[in-house]
mmCIF file of all heavy atoms, coordinates in Angstrom:
data_MODEL
# 
_entry.id   MODEL 
# 
loop_
_atom_site.group_PDB 
_atom_site.id 
_atom_site.type_symbol 
_atom_site.label_atom_id 
_atom_site.label_alt_id 
_atom_site.label_comp_id 
_atom_site.label_asym_id 
_atom_site.label_entity_id 
_atom_site.label_seq_id 
_atom_site.pdbx_PDB_ins_code 
_atom_site.Cartn_x 
_atom_site.Cartn_y 
_atom_site.Cartn_z 
_atom_site.occupancy 
_atom_site.B_iso_or_equiv 
_atom_site.pdbx_formal_charge 
_atom_site.auth_seq_id 
_atom_site.auth_comp_id 
_atom_site.auth_asym_id 
_atom_site.auth_atom_id 
_atom_site.pdbx_PDB_model_num 
ATOM 1   N N   . LEU A 1 1  ? 199.625 -12.021 76.585 1.00 0.00 ? 1  LEU A N   1 
ATOM 2   C CA  . LEU A 1 1  ? 200.065 -13.104 75.719 1.00 0.00 ? 1  LEU A CA  1 
ATOM 3   C C   . LEU A 1 1  ? 198.911 -13.659 74.907 1.00 0.00 ? 1  LEU A C   1 
ATOM 4   O O   . LEU A 1 1  ? 199.050 -13.950 73.711 1.00 0.00 ? 1  LEU A O   1 
ATOM 5   C CB  . LEU A 1 1  ? 200.702 -14.212 76.552 1.00 0.00 ? 1  LEU A CB  1 
ATOM 6   C CG  . LEU A 1 1  ? 201.132 -15.476 75.785 1.00 0.00 ? 1  LEU A CG  1 
ATOM 7   C CD1 . LEU A 1 1  ? 202.160 -15.115 74.725 1.00 0.00 ? 1  LEU A CD1 1 
ATOM 8   C CD2 . LEU A 1 1  ? 201.668 -16.516 76.752 1.00 0.00 ? 1  LEU A CD2 1 
ATOM 9   N N   . ASN A 1 2  ? 197.744 -13.778 75.527 1.00 0.00 ? 2  ASN A N   1 
ATOM 10  C CA  . ASN A 1 2  ? 196.591 -14.320 74.822 1.00 0.00 ? 2  ASN A CA  1 
ATOM 11  C C   . ASN A 1 2  ? 196.193 -13.449 73.644 1.00 0.00 ? 2  ASN A C   1 
ATOM 12  O O   . ASN A 1 2  ? 195.899 -13.936 72.554 1.00 0.00 ? 2  ASN A O   1 
ATOM 13  C CB  . ASN A 1 2  ? 195.404 -14.464 75.779 1.00 0.00 ? 2  ASN A CB  1 
ATOM 14  C CG  . ASN A 1 2  ? 195.667 -15.498 76.861 1.00 0.00 ? 2  ASN A CG  1 
ATOM 15  O OD1 . ASN A 1 2  ? 196.511 -16.367 76.671 1.00 0.00 ? 2  ASN A OD1 1 
ATOM 16  N ND2 . ASN A 1 2  ? 194.960 -15.396 77.973 1.00 0.00 ? 2  ASN A ND2 1 
ATOM 17  N N   . PHE A 1 3  ? 196.187 -12.167 73.838 1.00 0.00 ? 3  PHE A N   1 
ATOM 18  C CA  . PHE A 1 3  ? 195.786 -11.281 72.755 1.00 0.00 ? 3  PHE A CA  1 
ATOM 19  C C   . PHE A 1 3  ? 196.866 -11.175 71.693 1.00 0.00 ? 3  PHE A C   1 
ATOM 20  O O   . PHE A 1 3  ? 196.576 -10.928 70.524 1.00 0.00 ? 3  PHE A O   1 
ATOM 21  C CB  . PHE A 1 3  ? 195.418 -9.902  73.283 1.00 0.00 ? 3  PHE A CB  1 
ATOM 22  C CG  . PHE A 1 3  ? 193.976 -9.806  73.650 1.00 0.00 ? 3  PHE A CG  1 
ATOM 23  C CD1 . PHE A 1 3  ? 193.545 -10.176 74.901 1.00 0.00 ? 3  PHE A CD1 1 
ATOM 24  C CD2 . PHE A 1 3  ? 193.043 -9.379  72.726 1.00 0.00 ? 3  PHE A CD2 1 
ATOM 25  C CE1 . PHE A 1 3  ? 192.221 -10.099 75.238 1.00 0.00 ? 3  PHE A CE1 1 
ATOM 26  C CE2 . PHE A 1 3  ? 191.712 -9.308  73.048 1.00 0.00 ? 3  PHE A CE2 1 
ATOM 27  C CZ  . PHE A 1 3  ? 191.289 -9.668  74.311 1.00 0.00 ? 3  PHE A CZ  1 
ATOM 28  N N   . ALA A 1 4  ? 198.105 -11.369 72.071 1.00 0.00 ? 4  ALA A N   1 
ATOM 29  C CA  . ALA A 1 4  ? 199.156 -11.418 71.050 1.00 0.00 ? 4  ALA A CA  1 
ATOM 30  C C   . ALA A 1 4  ? 198.955 -12.625 70.155 1.00 0.00 ? 4  ALA A C   1 
ATOM 31  O O   . ALA A 1 4  ? 199.061 -12.552 68.930 1.00 0.00 ? 4  ALA A O   1 
ATOM 32  C CB  . ALA A 1 4  ? 200.527 -11.474 71.712 1.00 0.00 ? 4  ALA A CB  1 
ATOM 33  N N   . LEU A 1 5  ? 198.625 -13.773 70.747 1.00 0.00 ? 5  LEU A N   1 
ATOM 34  C CA  . LEU A 1 5  ? 198.316 -14.959 69.951 1.00 0.00 ? 5  LEU A CA  1 
ATOM 35  C C   . LEU A 1 5  ? 197.063 -14.748 69.128 1.00 0.00 ? 5  LEU A C   1 
ATOM 36  O O   . LEU A 1 5  ? 196.962 -15.198 67.991 1.00 0.00 ? 5  LEU A O   1 
ATOM 37  C CB  . LEU A 1 5  ? 198.145 -16.178 70.872 1.00 0.00 ? 5  LEU A CB  1 
ATOM 38  C CG  . LEU A 1 5  ? 199.418 -16.663 71.570 1.00 0.00 ? 5  LEU A CG  1 
ATOM 39  C CD1 . LEU A 1 5  ? 199.074 -17.748 72.578 1.00 0.00 ? 5  LEU A CD1 1 
ATOM 40  C CD2 . LEU A 1 5  ? 200.418 -17.179 70.552 1.00 0.00 ? 5  LEU A CD2 1 
ATOM 41  N N   . LEU A 1 6  ? 196.094 -14.075 69.703 1.00 0.00 ? 6  LEU A N   1 
ATOM 42  C CA  . LEU A 1 6  ? 194.850 -13.774 68.980 1.00 0.00 ? 6  LEU A CA  1 
ATOM 43  C C   . LEU A 1 6  ? 195.118 -12.997 67.711 1.00 0.00 ? 6  LEU A C   1 
ATOM 44  O O   . LEU A 1 6  ? 194.606 -13.315 66.641 1.00 0.00 ? 6  LEU A O   1 
ATOM 45  C CB  . LEU A 1 6  ? 193.916 -12.982 69.902 1.00 0.00 ? 6  LEU A CB  1 
ATOM 46  C CG  . LEU A 1 6  ? 192.710 -12.286 69.253 1.00 0.00 ? 6  LEU A CG  1 
ATOM 47  C CD1 . LEU A 1 6  ? 191.763 -13.326 68.696 1.00 0.00 ? 6  LEU A CD1 1 
ATOM 48  C CD2 . LEU A 1 6  ? 192.020 -11.402 70.259 1.00 0.00 ? 6  LEU A CD2 1 
ATOM 49  N N   . SER A 1 7  ? 195.958 -11.995 67.777 1.00 0.00 ? 7  SER A N   1 
ATOM 50  C CA  . SER A 1 7  ? 196.213 -11.151 66.614 1.00 0.00 ? 7  SER A CA  1 
ATOM 51  C C   . SER A 1 7  ? 197.173 -11.788 65.624 1.00 0.00 ? 7  SER A C   1 
ATOM 52  O O   . SER A 1 7  ? 197.162 -11.466 64.451 1.00 0.00 ? 7  SER A O   1 
ATOM 53  C CB  . SER A 1 7  ? 196.786 -9.804  67.070 1.00 0.00 ? 7  SER A CB  1 
ATOM 54  O OG  . SER A 1 7  ? 198.023 -10.009 67.720 1.00 0.00 ? 7  SER A OG  1 
ATOM 55  N N   . PHE A 1 8  ? 197.982 -12.735 66.093 1.00 0.00 ? 8  PHE A N   1 
ATOM 56  C CA  . PHE A 1 8  ? 199.016 -13.295 65.216 1.00 0.00 ? 8  PHE A CA  1 
ATOM 57  C C   . PHE A 1 8  ? 198.592 -14.587 64.529 1.00 0.00 ? 8  PHE A C   1 
ATOM 58  O O   . PHE A 1 8  ? 198.876 -14.805 63.361 1.00 0.00 ? 8  PHE A O   1 
ATOM 59  C CB  . PHE A 1 8  ? 200.278 -13.539 66.040 1.00 0.00 ? 8  PHE A CB  1 
ATOM 60  C CG  . PHE A 1 8  ? 201.397 -14.141 65.245 1.00 0.00 ? 8  PHE A CG  1 
ATOM 61  C CD1 . PHE A 1 8  ? 202.120 -13.368 64.345 1.00 0.00 ? 8  PHE A CD1 1 
ATOM 62  C CD2 . PHE A 1 8  ? 201.721 -15.473 65.395 1.00 0.00 ? 8  PHE A CD2 1 
ATOM 63  C CE1 . PHE A 1 8  ? 203.137 -13.923 63.606 1.00 0.00 ? 8  PHE A CE1 1 
ATOM 64  C CE2 . PHE A 1 8  ? 202.742 -16.027 64.662 1.00 0.00 ? 8  PHE A CE2 1 
ATOM 65  C CZ  . PHE A 1 8  ? 203.455 -15.240 63.774 1.00 0.00 ? 8  PHE A CZ  1 
ATOM 66  N N   . CYS A 1 9  ? 197.913 -15.457 65.254 1.00 0.00 ? 9  CYS A N   1 
ATOM 67  C CA  . CYS A 1 9  ? 197.718 -16.813 64.757 1.00 0.00 ? 9  CYS A CA  1 
ATOM 68  C C   . CYS A 1 9  ? 196.367 -17.080 64.137 1.00 0.00 ? 9  CYS A C   1 
ATOM 69  O O   . CYS A 1 9  ? 196.209 -18.070 63.439 1.00 0.00 ? 9  CYS A O   1 
ATOM 70  C CB  . CYS A 1 9  ? 197.932 -17.820 65.885 1.00 0.00 ? 9  CYS A CB  1 
ATOM 71  S SG  . CYS A 1 9  ? 199.625 -17.830 66.513 1.00 0.00 ? 9  CYS A SG  1 
ATOM 72  N N   . PHE A 1 10 ? 195.353 -16.271 64.390 1.00 0.00 ? 10 PHE A N   1 
ATOM 73  C CA  . PHE A 1 10 ? 194.013 -16.683 63.990 1.00 0.00 ? 10 PHE A CA  1 
ATOM 74  C C   . PHE A 1 10 ? 193.298 -15.618 63.192 1.00 0.00 ? 10 PHE A C   1 
ATOM 75  O O   . PHE A 1 10 ? 192.372 -14.986 63.670 1.00 0.00 ? 10 PHE A O   1 
ATOM 76  C CB  . PHE A 1 10 ? 193.172 -17.039 65.224 1.00 0.00 ? 10 PHE A CB  1 
ATOM 77  C CG  . PHE A 1 10 ? 193.714 -18.217 65.951 1.00 0.00 ? 10 PHE A CG  1 
ATOM 78  C CD1 . PHE A 1 10 ? 194.552 -18.060 67.038 1.00 0.00 ? 10 PHE A CD1 1 
ATOM 79  C CD2 . PHE A 1 10 ? 193.427 -19.486 65.514 1.00 0.00 ? 10 PHE A CD2 1 
ATOM 80  C CE1 . PHE A 1 10 ? 195.070 -19.154 67.678 1.00 0.00 ? 10 PHE A CE1 1 
ATOM 81  C CE2 . PHE A 1 10 ? 193.940 -20.585 66.158 1.00 0.00 ? 10 PHE A CE2 1 
ATOM 82  C CZ  . PHE A 1 10 ? 194.772 -20.423 67.249 1.00 0.00 ? 10 PHE A CZ  1 
ATOM 83  N N   . PRO A 1 11 ? 193.681 -15.378 61.972 1.00 0.00 ? 11 PRO A N   1 
ATOM 84  C CA  . PRO A 1 11 ? 192.955 -14.426 61.122 1.00 0.00 ? 11 PRO A CA  1 
ATOM 85  C C   . PRO A 1 11 ? 191.802 -15.101 60.415 1.00 0.00 ? 11 PRO A C   1 
ATOM 86  O O   . PRO A 1 11 ? 191.711 -15.089 59.207 1.00 0.00 ? 11 PRO A O   1 
ATOM 87  C CB  . PRO A 1 11 ? 194.035 -13.990 60.121 1.00 0.00 ? 11 PRO A CB  1 
ATOM 88  C CG  . PRO A 1 11 ? 194.884 -15.192 59.988 1.00 0.00 ? 11 PRO A CG  1 
ATOM 89  C CD  . PRO A 1 11 ? 194.881 -15.878 61.319 1.00 0.00 ? 11 PRO A CD  1 
ATOM 90  N N   . PHE A 1 12 ? 190.850 -15.708 61.147 1.00 0.00 ? 12 PHE A N   1 
ATOM 91  C CA  . PHE A 1 12 ? 189.775 -16.457 60.510 1.00 0.00 ? 12 PHE A CA  1 
ATOM 92  C C   . PHE A 1 12 ? 188.405 -15.851 60.763 1.00 0.00 ? 12 PHE A C   1 
ATOM 93  O O   . PHE A 1 12 ? 187.422 -16.363 60.267 1.00 0.00 ? 12 PHE A O   1 
ATOM 94  C CB  . PHE A 1 12 ? 189.766 -17.911 60.982 1.00 0.00 ? 12 PHE A CB  1 
ATOM 95  C CG  . PHE A 1 12 ? 190.987 -18.648 60.564 1.00 0.00 ? 12 PHE A CG  1 
ATOM 96  C CD1 . PHE A 1 12 ? 192.021 -18.876 61.447 1.00 0.00 ? 12 PHE A CD1 1 
ATOM 97  C CD2 . PHE A 1 12 ? 191.121 -19.079 59.260 1.00 0.00 ? 12 PHE A CD2 1 
ATOM 98  C CE1 . PHE A 1 12 ? 193.146 -19.544 61.047 1.00 0.00 ? 12 PHE A CE1 1 
ATOM 99  C CE2 . PHE A 1 12 ? 192.245 -19.753 58.845 1.00 0.00 ? 12 PHE A CE2 1 
ATOM 100 C CZ  . PHE A 1 12 ? 193.265 -19.979 59.745 1.00 0.00 ? 12 PHE A CZ  1 
ATOM 101 N N   . CYS A 1 13 ? 188.283 -14.839 61.553 1.00 0.00 ? 13 CYS A N   1 
ATOM 102 C CA  . CYS A 1 13 ? 186.999 -14.166 61.722 1.00 0.00 ? 13 CYS A CA  1 
ATOM 103 C C   . CYS A 1 13 ? 187.270 -12.681 61.741 1.00 0.00 ? 13 CYS A C   1 
ATOM 104 O O   . CYS A 1 13 ? 188.374 -12.258 62.050 1.00 0.00 ? 13 CYS A O   1 
ATOM 105 C CB  . CYS A 1 13 ? 186.289 -14.612 62.992 1.00 0.00 ? 13 CYS A CB  1 
ATOM 106 S SG  . CYS A 1 13 ? 187.217 -14.259 64.488 1.00 0.00 ? 13 CYS A SG  1 
ATOM 107 N N   . GLU A 1 14 ? 186.271 -11.913 61.444 1.00 0.00 ? 14 GLU A N   1 
ATOM 108 C CA  . GLU A 1 14 ? 186.478 -10.479 61.311 1.00 0.00 ? 14 GLU A CA  1 
ATOM 109 C C   . GLU A 1 14 ? 186.159 -9.798  62.624 1.00 0.00 ? 14 GLU A C   1 
ATOM 110 O O   . GLU A 1 14 ? 185.033 -9.839  63.105 1.00 0.00 ? 14 GLU A O   1 
ATOM 111 C CB  . GLU A 1 14 ? 185.607 -9.908  60.201 1.00 0.00 ? 14 GLU A CB  1 
ATOM 112 C CG  . GLU A 1 14 ? 185.860 -8.435  60.005 1.00 0.00 ? 14 GLU A CG  1 
ATOM 113 C CD  . GLU A 1 14 ? 185.190 -7.912  58.766 1.00 0.00 ? 14 GLU A CD  1 
ATOM 114 O OE1 . GLU A 1 14 ? 184.621 -8.707  58.029 1.00 0.00 ? 14 GLU A OE1 1 
ATOM 115 O OE2 . GLU A 1 14 ? 185.243 -6.698  58.569 1.00 0.00 ? 14 GLU A OE2 1 
ATOM 116 N N   . MET A 1 15 ? 187.157 -9.188  63.226 1.00 0.00 ? 15 MET A N   1 
ATOM 117 C CA  . MET A 1 15 ? 186.962 -8.422  64.440 1.00 0.00 ? 15 MET A CA  1 
ATOM 118 C C   . MET A 1 15 ? 187.364 -6.996  64.117 1.00 0.00 ? 15 MET A C   1 
ATOM 119 O O   . MET A 1 15 ? 188.519 -6.715  63.837 1.00 0.00 ? 15 MET A O   1 
ATOM 120 C CB  . MET A 1 15 ? 187.808 -8.984  65.580 1.00 0.00 ? 15 MET A CB  1 
ATOM 121 C CG  . MET A 1 15 ? 187.405 -10.398 65.956 1.00 0.00 ? 15 MET A CG  1 
ATOM 122 S SD  . MET A 1 15 ? 188.134 -10.939 67.485 1.00 0.00 ? 15 MET A SD  1 
ATOM 123 C CE  . MET A 1 15 ? 189.851 -10.871 67.081 1.00 0.00 ? 15 MET A CE  1 
ATOM 124 N N   . ALA A 1 16 ? 186.418 -6.119  64.124 1.00 0.00 ? 16 ALA A N   1 
ATOM 125 C CA  . ALA A 1 16 ? 186.690 -4.749  63.736 1.00 0.00 ? 16 ALA A CA  1 
ATOM 126 C C   . ALA A 1 16 ? 185.976 -3.805  64.677 1.00 0.00 ? 16 ALA A C   1 
ATOM 127 O O   . ALA A 1 16 ? 184.825 -4.025  65.031 1.00 0.00 ? 16 ALA A O   1 
ATOM 128 C CB  . ALA A 1 16 ? 186.228 -4.501  62.311 1.00 0.00 ? 16 ALA A CB  1 
ATOM 129 N N   . ILE A 1 17 ? 186.629 -2.790  65.133 1.00 0.00 ? 17 ILE A N   1 
ATOM 130 C CA  . ILE A 1 17 ? 186.014 -1.754  65.933 1.00 0.00 ? 17 ILE A CA  1 
ATOM 131 C C   . ILE A 1 17 ? 186.193 -0.444  65.205 1.00 0.00 ? 17 ILE A C   1 
ATOM 132 O O   . ILE A 1 17 ? 186.832 -0.380  64.159 1.00 0.00 ? 17 ILE A O   1 
ATOM 133 C CB  . ILE A 1 17 ? 186.631 -1.703  67.344 1.00 0.00 ? 17 ILE A CB  1 
ATOM 134 C CG1 . ILE A 1 17 ? 188.147 -1.565  67.256 1.00 0.00 ? 17 ILE A CG1 1 
ATOM 135 C CG2 . ILE A 1 17 ? 186.270 -2.948  68.123 1.00 0.00 ? 17 ILE A CG2 1 
ATOM 136 C CD1 . ILE A 1 17 ? 188.833 -1.510  68.600 1.00 0.00 ? 17 ILE A CD1 1 
ATOM 137 N N   . ALA A 1 18 ? 185.608 0.617   65.779 1.00 0.00 ? 18 ALA A N   1 
ATOM 138 C CA  . ALA A 1 18 ? 185.588 1.887   65.056 1.00 0.00 ? 18 ALA A CA  1 
ATOM 139 C C   . ALA A 1 18 ? 186.991 2.367   64.729 1.00 0.00 ? 18 ALA A C   1 
ATOM 140 O O   . ALA A 1 18 ? 187.248 2.873   63.659 1.00 0.00 ? 18 ALA A O   1 
ATOM 141 C CB  . ALA A 1 18 ? 184.832 2.924   65.874 1.00 0.00 ? 18 ALA A CB  1 
ATOM 142 N N   . ASP A 1 19 ? 187.892 2.201   65.657 1.00 0.00 ? 19 ASP A N   1 
ATOM 143 C CA  . ASP A 1 19 ? 189.273 2.608   65.439 1.00 0.00 ? 19 ASP A CA  1 
ATOM 144 C C   . ASP A 1 19 ? 190.190 1.436   65.750 1.00 0.00 ? 19 ASP A C   1 
ATOM 145 O O   . ASP A 1 19 ? 189.794 0.462   66.394 1.00 0.00 ? 19 ASP A O   1 
ATOM 146 C CB  . ASP A 1 19 ? 189.632 3.807   66.326 1.00 0.00 ? 19 ASP A CB  1 
ATOM 147 C CG  . ASP A 1 19 ? 188.874 5.057   65.916 1.00 0.00 ? 19 ASP A CG  1 
ATOM 148 O OD1 . ASP A 1 19 ? 188.962 5.434   64.728 1.00 0.00 ? 19 ASP A OD1 1 
ATOM 149 O OD2 . ASP A 1 19 ? 188.190 5.626   66.767 1.00 0.00 ? 19 ASP A OD2 1 
ATOM 150 N N   . ASP A 1 20 ? 191.397 1.542   65.308 1.00 0.00 ? 20 ASP A N   1 
ATOM 151 C CA  . ASP A 1 20 ? 192.371 0.483   65.514 1.00 0.00 ? 20 ASP A CA  1 
ATOM 152 C C   . ASP A 1 20 ? 193.115 0.763   66.811 1.00 0.00 ? 20 ASP A C   1 
ATOM 153 O O   . ASP A 1 20 ? 194.058 1.548   66.842 1.00 0.00 ? 20 ASP A O   1 
ATOM 154 C CB  . ASP A 1 20 ? 193.330 0.439   64.337 1.00 0.00 ? 20 ASP A CB  1 
ATOM 155 C CG  . ASP A 1 20 ? 194.138 -0.842  64.324 1.00 0.00 ? 20 ASP A CG  1 
ATOM 156 O OD1 . ASP A 1 20 ? 193.952 -1.676  65.209 1.00 0.00 ? 20 ASP A OD1 1 
ATOM 157 O OD2 . ASP A 1 20 ? 194.959 -0.971  63.410 1.00 0.00 ? 20 ASP A OD2 1 
ATOM 158 N N   . TYR A 1 21 ? 192.683 0.072   67.895 1.00 0.00 ? 21 TYR A N   1 
ATOM 159 C CA  . TYR A 1 21 ? 193.270 0.320   69.205 1.00 0.00 ? 21 TYR A CA  1 
ATOM 160 C C   . TYR A 1 21 ? 194.303 -0.733  69.537 1.00 0.00 ? 21 TYR A C   1 
ATOM 161 O O   . TYR A 1 21 ? 194.267 -1.855  69.047 1.00 0.00 ? 21 TYR A O   1 
ATOM 162 C CB  . TYR A 1 21 ? 192.181 0.326   70.278 1.00 0.00 ? 21 TYR A CB  1 
ATOM 163 C CG  . TYR A 1 21 ? 191.120 1.379   70.041 1.00 0.00 ? 21 TYR A CG  1 
ATOM 164 C CD1 . TYR A 1 21 ? 189.804 1.008   69.823 1.00 0.00 ? 21 TYR A CD1 1 
ATOM 165 C CD2 . TYR A 1 21 ? 191.454 2.731   70.031 1.00 0.00 ? 21 TYR A CD2 1 
ATOM 166 C CE1 . TYR A 1 21 ? 188.830 1.959   69.607 1.00 0.00 ? 21 TYR A CE1 1 
ATOM 167 C CE2 . TYR A 1 21 ? 190.481 3.686   69.813 1.00 0.00 ? 21 TYR A CE2 1 
ATOM 168 C CZ  . TYR A 1 21 ? 189.175 3.300   69.593 1.00 0.00 ? 21 TYR A CZ  1 
ATOM 169 O OH  . TYR A 1 21 ? 188.215 4.235   69.364 1.00 0.00 ? 21 TYR A OH  1 
ATOM 170 N N   . LYS A 1 22 ? 195.181 -0.356  70.435 1.00 0.00 ? 22 LYS A N   1 
ATOM 171 C CA  . LYS A 1 22 ? 196.199 -1.278  70.905 1.00 0.00 ? 22 LYS A CA  1 
ATOM 172 C C   . LYS A 1 22 ? 195.837 -1.877  72.259 1.00 0.00 ? 22 LYS A C   1 
ATOM 173 O O   . LYS A 1 22 ? 196.218 -3.004  72.566 1.00 0.00 ? 22 LYS A O   1 
ATOM 174 C CB  . LYS A 1 22 ? 197.538 -0.546  70.982 1.00 0.00 ? 22 LYS A CB  1 
ATOM 175 C CG  . LYS A 1 22 ? 198.724 -1.457  71.196 1.00 0.00 ? 22 LYS A CG  1 
ATOM 176 C CD  . LYS A 1 22 ? 200.020 -0.665  71.098 1.00 0.00 ? 22 LYS A CD  1 
ATOM 177 C CE  . LYS A 1 22 ? 201.226 -1.597  71.228 1.00 0.00 ? 22 LYS A CE  1 
ATOM 178 N NZ  . LYS A 1 22 ? 202.498 -0.833  71.134 1.00 0.00 ? 22 LYS A NZ  1 
ATOM 179 N N   . TYR A 1 23 ? 195.094 -1.129  73.065 1.00 0.00 ? 23 TYR A N   1 
ATOM 180 C CA  . TYR A 1 23 ? 194.694 -1.592  74.390 1.00 0.00 ? 23 TYR A CA  1 
ATOM 181 C C   . TYR A 1 23 ? 193.230 -1.261  74.638 1.00 0.00 ? 23 TYR A C   1 
ATOM 182 O O   . TYR A 1 23 ? 192.636 -0.439  73.924 1.00 0.00 ? 23 TYR A O   1 
ATOM 183 C CB  . TYR A 1 23 ? 195.537 -0.924  75.496 1.00 0.00 ? 23 TYR A CB  1 
ATOM 184 C CG  . TYR A 1 23 ? 197.017 -1.090  75.327 1.00 0.00 ? 23 TYR A CG  1 
ATOM 185 C CD1 . TYR A 1 23 ? 197.789 -0.077  74.770 1.00 0.00 ? 23 TYR A CD1 1 
ATOM 186 C CD2 . TYR A 1 23 ? 197.651 -2.247  75.759 1.00 0.00 ? 23 TYR A CD2 1 
ATOM 187 C CE1 . TYR A 1 23 ? 199.158 -0.221  74.616 1.00 0.00 ? 23 TYR A CE1 1 
ATOM 188 C CE2 . TYR A 1 23 ? 199.021 -2.403  75.618 1.00 0.00 ? 23 TYR A CE2 1 
ATOM 189 C CZ  . TYR A 1 23 ? 199.773 -1.385  75.046 1.00 0.00 ? 23 TYR A CZ  1 
ATOM 190 O OH  . TYR A 1 23 ? 201.117 -1.541  74.892 1.00 0.00 ? 23 TYR A OH  1 
ATOM 191 N N   . PHE A 1 24 ? 192.682 -1.926  75.675 1.00 0.00 ? 24 PHE A N   1 
ATOM 192 C CA  . PHE A 1 24 ? 191.379 -1.564  76.232 1.00 0.00 ? 24 PHE A CA  1 
ATOM 193 C C   . PHE A 1 24 ? 191.574 -1.164  77.697 1.00 0.00 ? 24 PHE A C   1 
ATOM 194 O O   . PHE A 1 24 ? 192.471 -1.676  78.375 1.00 0.00 ? 24 PHE A O   1 
ATOM 195 C CB  . PHE A 1 24 ? 190.397 -2.732  76.150 1.00 0.00 ? 24 PHE A CB  1 
ATOM 196 C CG  . PHE A 1 24 ? 189.825 -2.948  74.787 1.00 0.00 ? 24 PHE A CG  1 
ATOM 197 C CD1 . PHE A 1 24 ? 189.761 -4.226  74.259 1.00 0.00 ? 24 PHE A CD1 1 
ATOM 198 C CD2 . PHE A 1 24 ? 189.351 -1.896  74.031 1.00 0.00 ? 24 PHE A CD2 1 
ATOM 199 C CE1 . PHE A 1 24 ? 189.236 -4.441  73.005 1.00 0.00 ? 24 PHE A CE1 1 
ATOM 200 C CE2 . PHE A 1 24 ? 188.825 -2.102  72.781 1.00 0.00 ? 24 PHE A CE2 1 
ATOM 201 C CZ  . PHE A 1 24 ? 188.772 -3.378  72.258 1.00 0.00 ? 24 PHE A CZ  1 
ATOM 202 N N   . LYS A 1 25 ? 190.685 -0.318  78.158 1.00 0.00 ? 25 LYS A N   1 
ATOM 203 C CA  . LYS A 1 25 ? 190.734 0.122   79.549 1.00 0.00 ? 25 LYS A CA  1 
ATOM 204 C C   . LYS A 1 25 ? 189.311 0.325   80.052 1.00 0.00 ? 25 LYS A C   1 
ATOM 205 O O   . LYS A 1 25 ? 188.445 0.762   79.296 1.00 0.00 ? 25 LYS A O   1 
ATOM 206 C CB  . LYS A 1 25 ? 191.517 1.438   79.658 1.00 0.00 ? 25 LYS A CB  1 
ATOM 207 C CG  . LYS A 1 25 ? 191.502 2.046   81.062 1.00 0.00 ? 25 LYS A CG  1 
ATOM 208 C CD  . LYS A 1 25 ? 192.189 3.400   81.077 1.00 0.00 ? 25 LYS A CD  1 
ATOM 209 C CE  . LYS A 1 25 ? 192.060 4.044   82.462 1.00 0.00 ? 25 LYS A CE  1 
ATOM 210 N NZ  . LYS A 1 25 ? 192.673 5.385   82.485 1.00 0.00 ? 25 LYS A NZ  1 
ATOM 211 N N   . THR A 1 26 ? 189.059 -0.024  81.329 1.00 0.00 ? 26 THR A N   1 
ATOM 212 C CA  . THR A 1 26 ? 187.734 0.191   81.931 1.00 0.00 ? 26 THR A CA  1 
ATOM 213 C C   . THR A 1 26 ? 187.829 1.214   83.051 1.00 0.00 ? 26 THR A C   1 
ATOM 214 O O   . THR A 1 26 ? 188.878 1.376   83.684 1.00 0.00 ? 26 THR A O   1 
ATOM 215 C CB  . THR A 1 26 ? 187.173 -1.118  82.499 1.00 0.00 ? 26 THR A CB  1 
ATOM 216 O OG1 . THR A 1 26 ? 188.044 -1.603  83.520 1.00 0.00 ? 26 THR A OG1 1 
ATOM 217 C CG2 . THR A 1 26 ? 186.998 -2.162  81.407 1.00 0.00 ? 26 THR A CG2 1 
# 
């Protein structure tokens, strides 16, 4: 839920990684 809010509500800083991923895994 937190990351859904992150991607939807706050387009005020640039967060970019090499590819456009949907999830992270360790």
